[in-house]
Amino acid sequence: MAVICVFCASSERIPSHYVDLAADVGAELARRGHTLVTGGGSVSCMGAVAGAARAGGARTIGVIPQALRDWEVADEDAHELVVTADMRTRKGEMDGRADAFLTLPGGIGTLEELMEIWVSRVLRMHDKPLVVLDPDGIFAPLREQVELLVRRGFARPSVWDAVTWTDDVTTAFDALERVTKVPVPDAAEVLEAEP
């Protein structure tokens, strides 16, 4: 059993199939016996993944800044709701509680969360699995951008070793559950590493 942090959308303007995908993720997480960490929202994909996980018997932990809780979007049904002072503290709390990370389609907040975890894994600051579930290519332009960065020398080809791209729920969870350890580097390797 692992604690899996899911990054996903909280926008209520997105097509419903993304919300359905999040619910499928929550149900599969529960079926496999994992615990869920989210950004603590009760709407859109964030609410769907947490609600489905709880319906399947999983423990859920939400981490939300006070400002968002004040907007009445908090997942008050979470088994544990952690309220933070700001977004930076929120991300640190989510990261620290997780054994692995799963990113679903989302907006700029999701993109920021994905990039921060990806960069820190490339720099070997953690060895937790990072999986992206992208069934219809919403992150395809990001992948093209990273390919360009690699071609131009701004990033090493090994950046791809830090993330697994999937397009269905089962494959995503199979990847999360694999042991994917990154060796701890010596100081010289860290200083040479580029995100």
N, C-alpha and C. Protein backbone atom coordinates (compact mmCIF):
# COMPACT_ATOMS: atom_id res chain seq x y z
N MET A 1 0.84 -1.19 0.00
CA MET A 1 0.00 0.00 0.00
C MET A 1 0.88 1.25 0.00
N ALA A 2 0.55 2.20 -0.85
CA ALA A 2 1.33 3.42 -0.97
C ALA A 2 0.42 4.63 -0.80
N VAL A 3 1.04 5.76 -0.52
CA VAL A 3 0.34 7.04 -0.51
C VAL A 3 0.63 7.70 -1.85
N ILE A 4 -0.41 7.89 -2.64
CA ILE A 4 -0.26 8.42 -3.99
C ILE A 4 -0.85 9.82 -4.04
N CYS A 5 -0.03 10.76 -4.45
CA CYS A 5 -0.46 12.14 -4.63
C CYS A 5 -0.92 12.31 -6.07
N VAL A 6 -2.16 12.76 -6.24
CA VAL A 6 -2.71 12.98 -7.58
C VAL A 6 -2.82 14.48 -7.82
N PHE A 7 -2.17 14.93 -8.88
CA PHE A 7 -2.29 16.31 -9.35
C PHE A 7 -3.34 16.32 -10.46
N CYS A 8 -4.32 17.21 -10.36
CA CYS A 8 -5.38 17.24 -11.37
C CYS A 8 -6.13 18.56 -11.33
N ALA A 9 -7.07 18.70 -12.24
CA ALA A 9 -7.80 19.95 -12.43
C ALA A 9 -8.82 20.21 -11.32
N SER A 10 -9.04 21.49 -11.06
CA SER A 10 -10.13 21.90 -10.18
C SER A 10 -11.10 22.83 -10.91
N SER A 11 -10.87 23.03 -12.21
CA SER A 11 -11.75 23.87 -13.02
C SER A 11 -13.07 23.16 -13.28
N GLU A 12 -14.15 23.89 -13.15
CA GLU A 12 -15.46 23.33 -13.43
C GLU A 12 -15.90 23.60 -14.87
N ARG A 13 -15.00 24.13 -15.68
CA ARG A 13 -15.34 24.46 -17.07
C ARG A 13 -14.84 23.40 -18.05
N ILE A 14 -14.20 22.37 -17.56
CA ILE A 14 -13.60 21.37 -18.45
C ILE A 14 -14.64 20.33 -18.88
N PRO A 15 -14.39 19.63 -19.99
CA PRO A 15 -15.31 18.57 -20.42
C PRO A 15 -15.45 17.48 -19.36
N SER A 16 -16.64 16.89 -19.30
CA SER A 16 -16.96 15.93 -18.24
C SER A 16 -16.12 14.66 -18.31
N HIS A 17 -15.57 14.30 -19.48
CA HIS A 17 -14.81 13.06 -19.54
C HIS A 17 -13.53 13.12 -18.71
N TYR A 18 -13.02 14.33 -18.45
CA TYR A 18 -11.86 14.45 -17.57
C TYR A 18 -12.25 14.18 -16.11
N VAL A 19 -13.44 14.62 -15.74
CA VAL A 19 -13.94 14.34 -14.39
C VAL A 19 -14.18 12.84 -14.25
N ASP A 20 -14.72 12.21 -15.29
CA ASP A 20 -14.92 10.76 -15.27
C ASP A 20 -13.58 10.02 -15.14
N LEU A 21 -12.55 10.51 -15.84
CA LEU A 21 -11.22 9.91 -15.73
C LEU A 21 -10.71 9.99 -14.29
N ALA A 22 -10.89 11.13 -13.66
CA ALA A 22 -10.46 11.30 -12.27
C ALA A 22 -11.19 10.33 -11.35
N ALA A 23 -12.48 10.16 -11.58
CA ALA A 23 -13.25 9.21 -10.77
C ALA A 23 -12.74 7.78 -10.98
N ASP A 24 -12.41 7.44 -12.22
CA ASP A 24 -11.85 6.11 -12.49
C ASP A 24 -10.52 5.92 -11.75
N VAL A 25 -9.72 6.98 -11.70
CA VAL A 25 -8.44 6.92 -10.98
C VAL A 25 -8.69 6.70 -9.49
N GLY A 26 -9.63 7.43 -8.92
CA GLY A 26 -9.94 7.26 -7.50
C GLY A 26 -10.42 5.85 -7.18
N ALA A 27 -11.27 5.30 -8.06
CA ALA A 27 -11.77 3.95 -7.84
C ALA A 27 -10.66 2.92 -7.94
N GLU A 28 -9.76 3.08 -8.91
CA GLU A 28 -8.65 2.14 -9.06
C GLU A 28 -7.67 2.25 -7.90
N LEU A 29 -7.42 3.46 -7.45
CA LEU A 29 -6.55 3.67 -6.29
C LEU A 29 -7.09 2.91 -5.08
N ALA A 30 -8.40 3.02 -4.86
CA ALA A 30 -9.02 2.31 -3.72
C ALA A 30 -8.96 0.80 -3.93
N ARG A 31 -9.23 0.35 -5.14
CA ARG A 31 -9.23 -1.09 -5.43
C ARG A 31 -7.87 -1.70 -5.14
N ARG A 32 -6.81 -0.92 -5.37
CA ARG A 32 -5.46 -1.42 -5.16
C ARG A 32 -4.95 -1.19 -3.74
N GLY A 33 -5.77 -0.58 -2.90
CA GLY A 33 -5.43 -0.45 -1.48
C GLY A 33 -4.54 0.71 -1.12
N HIS A 34 -4.50 1.75 -1.94
CA HIS A 34 -3.64 2.90 -1.69
C HIS A 34 -4.38 4.00 -0.93
N THR A 35 -3.60 4.94 -0.44
CA THR A 35 -4.11 6.17 0.19
C THR A 35 -3.93 7.31 -0.81
N LEU A 36 -4.85 8.26 -0.80
CA LEU A 36 -4.83 9.37 -1.74
C LEU A 36 -4.47 10.68 -1.04
N VAL A 37 -3.59 11.44 -1.68
CA VAL A 37 -3.33 12.83 -1.28
C VAL A 37 -3.72 13.71 -2.46
N THR A 38 -4.50 14.75 -2.20
CA THR A 38 -4.86 15.72 -3.23
C THR A 38 -4.63 17.12 -2.69
N GLY A 39 -4.91 18.09 -3.57
CA GLY A 39 -4.83 19.49 -3.19
C GLY A 39 -5.99 19.96 -2.36
N GLY A 40 -6.85 19.06 -1.91
CA GLY A 40 -7.88 19.38 -0.92
C GLY A 40 -9.12 20.05 -1.45
N GLY A 41 -9.29 20.08 -2.78
CA GLY A 41 -10.49 20.69 -3.35
C GLY A 41 -11.63 19.70 -3.45
N SER A 42 -12.85 20.24 -3.51
CA SER A 42 -14.04 19.38 -3.57
C SER A 42 -14.73 19.43 -4.93
N VAL A 43 -14.15 20.16 -5.88
CA VAL A 43 -14.82 20.36 -7.16
C VAL A 43 -14.03 19.73 -8.30
N SER A 44 -14.70 19.54 -9.43
CA SER A 44 -14.11 19.06 -10.67
C SER A 44 -13.36 17.74 -10.45
N CYS A 45 -12.22 17.61 -11.11
CA CYS A 45 -11.45 16.36 -11.04
C CYS A 45 -10.96 16.08 -9.62
N MET A 46 -10.57 17.14 -8.90
CA MET A 46 -10.06 16.93 -7.55
C MET A 46 -11.13 16.33 -6.65
N GLY A 47 -12.34 16.84 -6.75
CA GLY A 47 -13.44 16.29 -5.96
C GLY A 47 -13.80 14.89 -6.41
N ALA A 48 -13.75 14.64 -7.73
CA ALA A 48 -14.12 13.33 -8.27
C ALA A 48 -13.15 12.24 -7.85
N VAL A 49 -11.86 12.52 -7.89
CA VAL A 49 -10.89 11.49 -7.53
C VAL A 49 -11.01 11.16 -6.04
N ALA A 50 -11.20 12.18 -5.20
CA ALA A 50 -11.32 11.94 -3.77
C ALA A 50 -12.61 11.22 -3.42
N GLY A 51 -13.71 11.65 -4.04
CA GLY A 51 -15.00 11.02 -3.76
C GLY A 51 -15.01 9.55 -4.16
N ALA A 52 -14.47 9.25 -5.34
CA ALA A 52 -14.43 7.86 -5.80
C ALA A 52 -13.49 7.02 -4.94
N ALA A 53 -12.39 7.60 -4.52
CA ALA A 53 -11.46 6.86 -3.65
C ALA A 53 -12.14 6.50 -2.33
N ARG A 54 -12.82 7.48 -1.74
CA ARG A 54 -13.52 7.20 -0.48
C ARG A 54 -14.64 6.18 -0.66
N ALA A 55 -15.37 6.30 -1.77
CA ALA A 55 -16.45 5.34 -2.04
C ALA A 55 -15.91 3.92 -2.14
N GLY A 56 -14.66 3.78 -2.57
CA GLY A 56 -14.04 2.47 -2.67
C GLY A 56 -13.33 2.03 -1.40
N GLY A 57 -13.38 2.86 -0.36
CA GLY A 57 -12.78 2.49 0.93
C GLY A 57 -11.39 3.02 1.19
N ALA A 58 -10.88 3.89 0.31
CA ALA A 58 -9.53 4.43 0.50
C ALA A 58 -9.53 5.59 1.49
N ARG A 59 -8.42 5.74 2.16
CA ARG A 59 -8.20 6.91 3.02
C ARG A 59 -7.81 8.09 2.12
N THR A 60 -8.35 9.26 2.39
CA THR A 60 -8.03 10.45 1.60
C THR A 60 -7.51 11.57 2.49
N ILE A 61 -6.51 12.25 1.97
CA ILE A 61 -5.90 13.39 2.66
C ILE A 61 -5.94 14.56 1.70
N GLY A 62 -6.51 15.67 2.13
CA GLY A 62 -6.54 16.88 1.33
C GLY A 62 -5.65 17.93 1.96
N VAL A 63 -4.95 18.67 1.12
CA VAL A 63 -4.06 19.74 1.61
C VAL A 63 -4.44 21.00 0.85
N ILE A 64 -4.93 22.00 1.58
CA ILE A 64 -5.48 23.18 0.92
C ILE A 64 -5.05 24.45 1.64
N PRO A 65 -4.72 25.51 0.91
CA PRO A 65 -4.42 26.79 1.56
C PRO A 65 -5.69 27.39 2.16
N GLN A 66 -5.52 28.13 3.23
CA GLN A 66 -6.66 28.75 3.90
C GLN A 66 -7.48 29.62 2.94
N ALA A 67 -6.82 30.32 2.03
CA ALA A 67 -7.54 31.19 1.10
C ALA A 67 -8.53 30.41 0.24
N LEU A 68 -8.16 29.21 -0.19
CA LEU A 68 -9.08 28.40 -0.97
C LEU A 68 -10.16 27.79 -0.10
N ARG A 69 -9.83 27.46 1.12
CA ARG A 69 -10.87 26.95 2.02
C ARG A 69 -11.90 28.03 2.28
N ASP A 70 -11.46 29.27 2.35
CA ASP A 70 -12.38 30.38 2.57
C ASP A 70 -13.37 30.52 1.42
N TRP A 71 -13.00 30.07 0.22
CA TRP A 71 -13.91 30.10 -0.93
C TRP A 71 -14.91 28.95 -0.91
N GLU A 72 -14.84 28.13 0.13
CA GLU A 72 -15.76 27.00 0.32
C GLU A 72 -15.60 25.94 -0.76
N VAL A 73 -14.37 25.70 -1.16
CA VAL A 73 -14.11 24.64 -2.13
C VAL A 73 -13.33 23.48 -1.51
N ALA A 74 -13.19 23.45 -0.20
CA ALA A 74 -12.40 22.42 0.46
C ALA A 74 -13.15 21.09 0.53
N ASP A 75 -12.38 20.02 0.47
CA ASP A 75 -12.91 18.66 0.60
C ASP A 75 -13.08 18.35 2.09
N GLU A 76 -14.16 18.84 2.64
CA GLU A 76 -14.41 18.68 4.08
C GLU A 76 -14.69 17.23 4.45
N ASP A 77 -14.95 16.38 3.46
CA ASP A 77 -15.19 14.96 3.73
C ASP A 77 -13.89 14.14 3.81
N ALA A 78 -12.76 14.77 3.52
CA ALA A 78 -11.48 14.05 3.58
C ALA A 78 -11.27 13.47 4.98
N HIS A 79 -10.62 12.33 5.04
CA HIS A 79 -10.30 11.75 6.34
C HIS A 79 -9.38 12.68 7.14
N GLU A 80 -8.52 13.38 6.41
CA GLU A 80 -7.65 14.37 7.02
C GLU A 80 -7.56 15.56 6.08
N LEU A 81 -7.91 16.74 6.58
CA LEU A 81 -7.82 17.96 5.79
C LEU A 81 -6.78 18.86 6.44
N VAL A 82 -5.68 19.07 5.73
CA VAL A 82 -4.58 19.90 6.23
C VAL A 82 -4.73 21.28 5.60
N VAL A 83 -4.80 22.30 6.43
CA VAL A 83 -4.96 23.67 5.94
C VAL A 83 -3.62 24.39 6.11
N THR A 84 -3.12 24.93 4.99
CA THR A 84 -1.82 25.59 5.01
C THR A 84 -1.97 27.09 4.82
N ALA A 85 -0.88 27.81 5.08
CA ALA A 85 -0.91 29.26 4.96
C ALA A 85 -0.86 29.72 3.51
N ASP A 86 -0.21 28.94 2.65
CA ASP A 86 -0.02 29.39 1.26
C ASP A 86 0.20 28.19 0.34
N MET A 87 0.35 28.49 -0.96
CA MET A 87 0.50 27.45 -1.96
C MET A 87 1.83 26.71 -1.83
N ARG A 88 2.90 27.43 -1.51
CA ARG A 88 4.20 26.77 -1.39
C ARG A 88 4.19 25.74 -0.26
N THR A 89 3.61 26.12 0.86
CA THR A 89 3.52 25.19 1.99
C THR A 89 2.65 24.00 1.61
N ARG A 90 1.56 24.27 0.89
CA ARG A 90 0.67 23.20 0.44
C ARG A 90 1.44 22.16 -0.37
N LYS A 91 2.20 22.61 -1.37
CA LYS A 91 2.94 21.67 -2.22
C LYS A 91 3.95 20.87 -1.42
N GLY A 92 4.63 21.52 -0.50
CA GLY A 92 5.60 20.81 0.32
C GLY A 92 4.95 19.74 1.18
N GLU A 93 3.79 20.06 1.71
CA GLU A 93 3.05 19.09 2.53
C GLU A 93 2.59 17.90 1.69
N MET A 94 2.08 18.18 0.50
CA MET A 94 1.65 17.10 -0.39
C MET A 94 2.83 16.22 -0.78
N ASP A 95 3.93 16.85 -1.17
CA ASP A 95 5.12 16.12 -1.61
C ASP A 95 5.66 15.23 -0.49
N GLY A 96 5.72 15.80 0.71
CA GLY A 96 6.29 15.08 1.84
C GLY A 96 5.48 13.87 2.26
N ARG A 97 4.18 13.90 2.04
CA ARG A 97 3.31 12.80 2.44
C ARG A 97 3.26 11.68 1.41
N ALA A 98 3.68 11.97 0.18
CA ALA A 98 3.48 11.02 -0.93
C ALA A 98 4.63 10.04 -1.09
N ASP A 99 4.28 8.82 -1.53
CA ASP A 99 5.26 7.83 -1.94
C ASP A 99 5.43 7.83 -3.46
N ALA A 100 4.44 8.39 -4.17
CA ALA A 100 4.46 8.42 -5.63
C ALA A 100 3.52 9.53 -6.09
N PHE A 101 3.68 9.93 -7.37
CA PHE A 101 2.90 11.04 -7.92
C PHE A 101 2.26 10.62 -9.24
N LEU A 102 0.98 10.98 -9.39
CA LEU A 102 0.25 10.73 -10.61
C LEU A 102 -0.36 12.05 -11.08
N THR A 103 -0.03 12.45 -12.30
CA THR A 103 -0.55 13.69 -12.86
C THR A 103 -1.60 13.38 -13.91
N LEU A 104 -2.77 13.98 -13.75
CA LEU A 104 -3.85 13.89 -14.72
C LEU A 104 -3.91 15.19 -15.51
N PRO A 105 -4.67 15.24 -16.61
CA PRO A 105 -4.83 16.51 -17.32
C PRO A 105 -5.30 17.61 -16.37
N GLY A 106 -4.71 18.79 -16.53
CA GLY A 106 -5.07 19.91 -15.67
C GLY A 106 -4.55 21.21 -16.24
N GLY A 107 -4.73 22.26 -15.48
CA GLY A 107 -4.33 23.59 -15.91
C GLY A 107 -2.93 23.97 -15.46
N ILE A 108 -2.70 25.28 -15.31
CA ILE A 108 -1.35 25.74 -15.01
C ILE A 108 -0.90 25.33 -13.61
N GLY A 109 -1.84 25.17 -12.68
CA GLY A 109 -1.46 24.69 -11.36
C GLY A 109 -0.97 23.26 -11.41
N THR A 110 -1.68 22.43 -12.16
CA THR A 110 -1.25 21.03 -12.35
C THR A 110 0.08 20.97 -13.06
N LEU A 111 0.22 21.81 -14.07
CA LEU A 111 1.48 21.86 -14.82
C LEU A 111 2.64 22.25 -13.91
N GLU A 112 2.42 23.22 -13.03
CA GLU A 112 3.46 23.64 -12.09
C GLU A 112 3.83 22.49 -11.16
N GLU A 113 2.83 21.79 -10.64
CA GLU A 113 3.10 20.68 -9.73
C GLU A 113 3.90 19.58 -10.44
N LEU A 114 3.48 19.24 -11.65
CA LEU A 114 4.21 18.24 -12.42
C LEU A 114 5.66 18.65 -12.64
N MET A 115 5.87 19.88 -13.07
CA MET A 115 7.23 20.32 -13.38
C MET A 115 8.12 20.34 -12.14
N GLU A 116 7.58 20.78 -11.02
CA GLU A 116 8.41 20.83 -9.81
C GLU A 116 8.85 19.44 -9.37
N ILE A 117 7.92 18.47 -9.41
CA ILE A 117 8.27 17.10 -9.02
C ILE A 117 9.21 16.48 -10.04
N TRP A 118 9.00 16.77 -11.32
CA TRP A 118 9.85 16.24 -12.39
C TRP A 118 11.27 16.77 -12.22
N VAL A 119 11.41 18.07 -12.05
CA VAL A 119 12.74 18.67 -11.89
C VAL A 119 13.45 18.11 -10.67
N SER A 120 12.75 18.03 -9.55
CA SER A 120 13.41 17.55 -8.33
C SER A 120 13.80 16.08 -8.46
N ARG A 121 13.06 15.31 -9.27
CA ARG A 121 13.46 13.92 -9.49
C ARG A 121 14.66 13.84 -10.43
N VAL A 122 14.69 14.69 -11.45
CA VAL A 122 15.85 14.75 -12.34
C VAL A 122 17.11 15.09 -11.55
N LEU A 123 16.97 16.01 -10.59
CA LEU A 123 18.10 16.41 -9.75
C LEU A 123 18.38 15.43 -8.61
N ARG A 124 17.62 14.33 -8.60
CA ARG A 124 17.79 13.26 -7.61
C ARG A 124 17.56 13.73 -6.18
N MET A 125 16.65 14.66 -6.03
CA MET A 125 16.26 15.10 -4.70
C MET A 125 15.19 14.19 -4.09
N HIS A 126 14.61 13.34 -4.92
CA HIS A 126 13.73 12.27 -4.44
C HIS A 126 13.77 11.15 -5.47
N ASP A 127 13.32 9.98 -5.06
CA ASP A 127 13.29 8.83 -5.96
C ASP A 127 11.89 8.24 -6.08
N LYS A 128 10.89 9.09 -5.87
CA LYS A 128 9.50 8.63 -5.90
C LYS A 128 9.02 8.56 -7.36
N PRO A 129 8.27 7.51 -7.70
CA PRO A 129 7.76 7.39 -9.06
C PRO A 129 6.90 8.59 -9.45
N LEU A 130 7.03 9.01 -10.70
CA LEU A 130 6.24 10.08 -11.27
C LEU A 130 5.64 9.57 -12.58
N VAL A 131 4.32 9.53 -12.62
CA VAL A 131 3.59 9.03 -13.78
C VAL A 131 2.62 10.10 -14.26
N VAL A 132 2.54 10.26 -15.56
CA VAL A 132 1.56 11.15 -16.17
C VAL A 132 0.54 10.30 -16.91
N LEU A 133 -0.74 10.50 -16.60
CA LEU A 133 -1.82 9.81 -17.29
C LEU A 133 -2.45 10.82 -18.25
N ASP A 134 -2.20 10.62 -19.53
CA ASP A 134 -2.59 11.60 -20.56
C ASP A 134 -3.26 10.88 -21.73
N PRO A 135 -4.54 10.52 -21.58
CA PRO A 135 -5.18 9.69 -22.59
C PRO A 135 -5.41 10.36 -23.94
N ASP A 136 -5.49 11.68 -23.97
CA ASP A 136 -5.78 12.33 -25.26
C ASP A 136 -4.79 13.41 -25.65
N GLY A 137 -3.59 13.36 -25.08
CA GLY A 137 -2.51 14.20 -25.55
C GLY A 137 -2.52 15.65 -25.11
N ILE A 138 -3.15 15.95 -23.98
CA ILE A 138 -3.18 17.35 -23.53
C ILE A 138 -1.78 17.85 -23.19
N PHE A 139 -0.89 16.92 -22.80
CA PHE A 139 0.48 17.31 -22.48
C PHE A 139 1.44 17.13 -23.67
N ALA A 140 0.92 16.83 -24.84
CA ALA A 140 1.79 16.64 -26.01
C ALA A 140 2.65 17.87 -26.30
N PRO A 141 2.12 19.10 -26.22
CA PRO A 141 2.98 20.26 -26.45
C PRO A 141 4.11 20.39 -25.42
N LEU A 142 3.84 19.99 -24.18
CA LEU A 142 4.89 20.00 -23.16
C LEU A 142 5.99 19.02 -23.53
N ARG A 143 5.62 17.86 -23.99
CA ARG A 143 6.62 16.87 -24.38
C ARG A 143 7.45 17.38 -25.56
N GLU A 144 6.80 18.05 -26.48
CA GLU A 144 7.53 18.63 -27.61
C GLU A 144 8.49 19.71 -27.13
N GLN A 145 8.06 20.51 -26.16
CA GLN A 145 8.92 21.57 -25.62
C GLN A 145 10.15 20.96 -24.94
N VAL A 146 9.94 19.91 -24.16
CA VAL A 146 11.07 19.28 -23.48
C VAL A 146 12.00 18.63 -24.50
N GLU A 147 11.45 18.03 -25.55
CA GLU A 147 12.30 17.47 -26.62
C GLU A 147 13.17 18.56 -27.24
N LEU A 148 12.59 19.74 -27.46
CA LEU A 148 13.35 20.86 -28.01
C LEU A 148 14.46 21.28 -27.05
N LEU A 149 14.15 21.33 -25.76
CA LEU A 149 15.17 21.68 -24.76
C LEU A 149 16.32 20.67 -24.78
N VAL A 150 15.98 19.40 -24.94
CA VAL A 150 17.02 18.37 -25.01
C VAL A 150 17.86 18.57 -26.27
N ARG A 151 17.19 18.78 -27.41
CA ARG A 151 17.93 18.96 -28.67
C ARG A 151 18.86 20.17 -28.64
N ARG A 152 18.43 21.23 -27.96
CA ARG A 152 19.25 22.45 -27.91
C ARG A 152 20.27 22.44 -26.77
N GLY A 153 20.27 21.39 -25.97
CA GLY A 153 21.26 21.27 -24.92
C GLY A 153 20.87 21.89 -23.59
N PHE A 154 19.65 22.35 -23.47
CA PHE A 154 19.21 22.94 -22.19
C PHE A 154 18.83 21.89 -21.17
N ALA A 155 18.58 20.69 -21.62
CA ALA A 155 18.26 19.57 -20.73
C ALA A 155 18.94 18.32 -21.27
N ARG A 156 19.26 17.41 -20.38
CA ARG A 156 19.89 16.16 -20.78
C ARG A 156 18.83 15.16 -21.20
N PRO A 157 19.17 14.23 -22.08
CA PRO A 157 18.20 13.20 -22.47
C PRO A 157 17.66 12.41 -21.27
N SER A 158 18.43 12.34 -20.20
CA SER A 158 18.01 11.58 -19.03
C SER A 158 16.79 12.18 -18.33
N VAL A 159 16.35 13.39 -18.74
CA VAL A 159 15.12 13.93 -18.13
C VAL A 159 13.95 12.98 -18.34
N TRP A 160 13.98 12.24 -19.44
CA TRP A 160 12.88 11.31 -19.74
C TRP A 160 12.87 10.11 -18.80
N ASP A 161 14.01 9.81 -18.17
CA ASP A 161 14.06 8.68 -17.24
C ASP A 161 13.29 8.96 -15.95
N ALA A 162 12.97 10.21 -15.70
CA ALA A 162 12.35 10.59 -14.43
C ALA A 162 10.83 10.55 -14.46
N VAL A 163 10.24 10.34 -15.62
CA VAL A 163 8.78 10.37 -15.74
C VAL A 163 8.32 9.25 -16.66
N THR A 164 7.17 8.67 -16.33
CA THR A 164 6.55 7.65 -17.16
C THR A 164 5.24 8.20 -17.72
N TRP A 165 5.08 8.13 -19.03
CA TRP A 165 3.88 8.64 -19.70
C TRP A 165 2.96 7.46 -20.02
N THR A 166 1.69 7.60 -19.67
CA THR A 166 0.72 6.53 -19.91
C THR A 166 -0.56 7.12 -20.48
N ASP A 167 -1.40 6.24 -21.03
CA ASP A 167 -2.66 6.75 -21.57
C ASP A 167 -3.89 5.99 -21.07
N ASP A 168 -3.70 5.11 -20.08
CA ASP A 168 -4.86 4.47 -19.46
C ASP A 168 -4.59 4.23 -17.97
N VAL A 169 -5.68 4.08 -17.24
CA VAL A 169 -5.62 4.02 -15.78
C VAL A 169 -4.82 2.81 -15.30
N THR A 170 -5.07 1.65 -15.87
CA THR A 170 -4.38 0.44 -15.42
C THR A 170 -2.87 0.56 -15.61
N THR A 171 -2.45 1.01 -16.78
CA THR A 171 -1.02 1.17 -17.05
C THR A 171 -0.40 2.19 -16.11
N ALA A 172 -1.13 3.25 -15.81
CA ALA A 172 -0.62 4.27 -14.89
C ALA A 172 -0.36 3.69 -13.51
N PHE A 173 -1.29 2.93 -13.00
CA PHE A 173 -1.10 2.35 -11.66
C PHE A 173 -0.05 1.25 -11.66
N ASP A 174 0.03 0.48 -12.74
CA ASP A 174 1.10 -0.51 -12.83
C ASP A 174 2.46 0.18 -12.76
N ALA A 175 2.59 1.31 -13.44
CA ALA A 175 3.85 2.06 -13.42
C ALA A 175 4.14 2.64 -12.04
N LEU A 176 3.12 3.15 -11.38
CA LEU A 176 3.31 3.71 -10.04
C LEU A 176 3.78 2.65 -9.06
N GLU A 177 3.31 1.44 -9.23
CA GLU A 177 3.62 0.38 -8.27
C GLU A 177 4.95 -0.30 -8.53
N ARG A 178 5.57 0.00 -9.66
CA ARG A 178 6.90 -0.55 -9.92
C ARG A 178 7.92 0.13 -9.01
N VAL A 179 8.93 -0.60 -8.62
CA VAL A 179 10.01 0.00 -7.84
C VAL A 179 10.90 0.76 -8.81
N THR A 180 10.98 2.08 -8.63
CA THR A 180 11.77 2.91 -9.54
C THR A 180 12.69 3.80 -8.72
N LYS A 181 13.75 3.24 -8.26
CA LYS A 181 14.68 3.98 -7.44
C LYS A 181 15.72 4.69 -8.30
N VAL A 182 16.06 5.89 -7.90
CA VAL A 182 17.11 6.66 -8.57
C VAL A 182 18.30 6.69 -7.62
N PRO A 183 19.51 6.30 -8.06
CA PRO A 183 20.66 6.30 -7.15
C PRO A 183 20.96 7.70 -6.63
N VAL A 184 21.35 7.76 -5.38
CA VAL A 184 21.72 9.03 -4.78
C VAL A 184 23.06 9.47 -5.35
N PRO A 185 23.14 10.69 -5.91
CA PRO A 185 24.37 11.13 -6.55
C PRO A 185 25.38 11.65 -5.54
N ASP A 186 26.62 11.78 -6.00
CA ASP A 186 27.57 12.49 -5.16
C ASP A 186 27.44 13.99 -5.46
N ALA A 187 28.10 14.81 -4.69
CA ALA A 187 27.94 16.27 -4.79
C ALA A 187 28.31 16.80 -6.16
N ALA A 188 29.33 16.26 -6.79
CA ALA A 188 29.76 16.74 -8.11
C ALA A 188 28.67 16.50 -9.16
N GLU A 189 28.00 15.34 -9.08
CA GLU A 189 26.92 15.05 -10.03
C GLU A 189 25.76 16.03 -9.87
N VAL A 190 25.43 16.37 -8.65
CA VAL A 190 24.34 17.32 -8.39
C VAL A 190 24.69 18.69 -8.96
N LEU A 191 25.92 19.13 -8.75
CA LEU A 191 26.32 20.45 -9.25
C LEU A 191 26.32 20.51 -10.76
N GLU A 192 26.60 19.38 -11.42
CA GLU A 192 26.60 19.34 -12.88
C GLU A 192 25.22 19.18 -13.47
N ALA A 193 24.27 18.68 -12.68
CA ALA A 193 22.95 18.36 -13.22
C ALA A 193 22.20 19.63 -13.62
N GLU A 194 21.47 19.49 -14.71
CA GLU A 194 20.64 20.59 -15.19
C GLU A 194 19.21 20.08 -15.29
N PRO A 195 18.22 20.90 -14.88
CA PRO A 195 16.84 20.47 -15.00
C PRO A 195 16.44 20.39 -16.46
